[in-house]
């Protein structure tokens, strides 16, 4: 039980503390968000630090392999344009396959260990929330905390460090490889990634507000159902359901709008590499192998980039739910 309570036990800043430090509203909001995120990561490390080290090692190994297939592609394509021997081609093909298999084995180990770590944290959070419950606490809120919110926060713990590490590592490795071979193509890939980051961050701020609102309304609805009689709760619950629907509709709209914008930027990047790479080949400033590797690299960057954006969305959502979990803990109120 002591280990379970550790996850929710540290103190966090309050709006009153920010106001006492003469912060304006915007600065105070940023400070609270950063402190809450750091507190979340601190608790994750306290509870799962040893397991996270294993995940970090696996992530670094996976990211370090990201550029190897690109190099093999480049060598094979340039060799086919020249006078490559059949034996050399077979050896390169075997090496390519070996790297892919090794990468997938490492990914399997990472995903399995990450998933099991998440399940353990979910159990700890649920034990902590249930063990710290109060007789005065609304049953509906308690049910939501133990079911959905604990699962979301706990599932995040398994990927909190490994996921951004492997995705960022892959992005840096691939872009650095392309830039080392052809700086202009590497720079073009940077110009594809940066606008996507700005779009994702801008949209996510709006999504965060709707997520926080939706969770609060959902708690309110479950409280009405758990504590009021059917007739008295009916109209209020139906209104809450409408509010939840409206919030979800806006969240979906923001998500798909951002995906549309990100896909457009990605398509522009593909066309840009074809045009710029083709021009460089025509003028003898690069070889066709690096252009193909850059195209493949852009595709390889797309997956970790999507994963990284999804991680950012999860982090924003989990941070909100973590704050709500903490604020609803009766035994924590007296410490903050």
Foldseek 3Di string as FASTA:
>chain_A
DVLLQLLLADDADDLVVCVVVVDDPVVSVVRRLVRLLVSNVVSLCVNCVVLVVVLLVLLLVLLLLLCVLLVLLLVLVVCVVPPDDPVVNVVSVVVNVVSVVVNVVSVVVLVVSLQVQLVVSLVSNLCNLVVLDDPPAQPLLNVCCNPPLSSLSSSLSSPVPNLVSNLVSNLCNLLVVLCVQPVVLSVLLVVLLVVLVVLLVVLLVVLLVLLLVLSVLSSVLSSLVRPPDCVVSPVVNVVSVVSNVVSVVVNVVSVVVSVVVSVVSLVVSLVVLVVVVVVCVVVVNHHPSSSVSSNVSSVVSVVSSVSVSVSVSSSSSSSSSSVVSSVSRPVNVVVD
